[in-house]
């Protein structure tokens, strides 16, 4: 191992090492005709005690992917199919799944001796989250939401490609043989779902380069049916205000400053400073600038608030990147090698931190020698793992979107995430944390909604009635109004948790009955 490497180099190498340890089915392939697949990679690394002698890095989520569903397929999903399988979005979902598992493991580890507030102040059972309590023994109850990410944690994100959409427009223009801006699109007016009722145009991902700072759909082939999934640039921009917490995790964890992405690492040649400053920044050219200084209180004062917190963008030297990653997209227009985007997506998450085999953690001076052929094995051969899935078109490999039953559903699907959230609320009730310690009336109301909502649409609409969830909903509305042309991707919410029930198999008639039927 080498010494004193940069933090971005260590974060990137840790993500790549976890990917290299995945089974071959989760990786791009070279086809018999010489066609090589390429795929974007993203990862989430938690940095503990950054810039101190105790600094430690833990990779908790890794994902690859470059596909998403068309708008006409959304109504067929029933909560069992992922709409957006771009690596950046998958890894955000994977990280939120890991957070839910971490909350569940904390509750599972509780016993009768540590279920009072004073005991909880000194015990969380997690290296990364804690109870949402101040360091004082004057509290007699836990405010809602009950958990928060620990104060010494920073969230770093690594991406092998520039986020699609506005942040990569300059890169797209430079890659064209003719960089002249394309003609403006014929307006495709749709109901945006915004409170002002305005109709807006959602631009294609790679077209109309003369329009900058706009919300765009995911890029696709010219002959492909369009999607309403917003670009990764747009979704990441929203996360700078709404935090990295998704809908399910936002019901359990407070939006403290360290619940936001601290830093995004991009390879040098995948980083356009102009594009990133426009897409994500708060400066003169930043499209998010109108949100500067805005604060949305979430629940009780002092227990989390939403705010525009721009992440930093850090370049990774191309020399390091090229040594780590052999599945990147071709950089030369004149390359004779045939390449195409891989269809399969990989998802990996670490186990909870209190597991018998906890997540792999590396210290500040641990970085392998990239000149070695199998440099990644300097970290491990097989890292501790909780989730490892290979997905195609939003479902597990071996299934189709229209395959009957629930076995096709990824652990990251809406239905399975709701089921995991329900398990956590059941534990809160079983351990009498609701209402004894979580004696807020909103906690009891949220618990009832999560456990008995008749549909996913009802779940999301009714949880907004709580003070905390209403603040998050207002954040989403305000950000979408600033971005101006945010069209909602609706149609996958008229289902409930019975979609995860095993179908009742019809019993085959006995031999005697079949014989009687023949007669």
Foldseek 3Di string as FASTA:
>chain_A
DFFDDDPLLVVVLLQLLQVVLFDPVQDWDQDPVQATAFKKKKWKWKWFQPPDQFTKIFTFKIKIDADADALVLQQLQQLFFGGDRHGVVQRLLSVQLQVLLQLQVQLVPDDPVQPFPVSQLVDRLAPFKGFLDDNDPPDGFGEPLGMATDPRIAMEMEMAAAWFAQQCLVVLLVPDPHSPADDDDDADWDQFPFPVRDTHGAAARHHRSVDHLAWHARHDDPPDRHHQHTTPLLVLLLCLFLASHDPLVLRRYAAAVRSHHAEYEYAPSRGDPLRCCCSRNCDPNHLCVVQPPDWFDAGDPPRHITGRHGHYYHHDYVVSVVLSDPRHDDDDPPDPRHYDHDQKMKIWGAHTQSDPQGTQMDGNTDDFDSVDPSRSCVRPSHTHTDDIAMDGNRFGPPDDSNRAANNRGDCSGSLNSLVSSLSSLVSCVVSPSVPSRHVDPLSVVLNCCSNDPQKQVSNLVVNCPDRRNVSSVVSVSVSCVSSPNNHDSDNNIGHHNCSNPDDDDDDDDDPVVVVVVVD
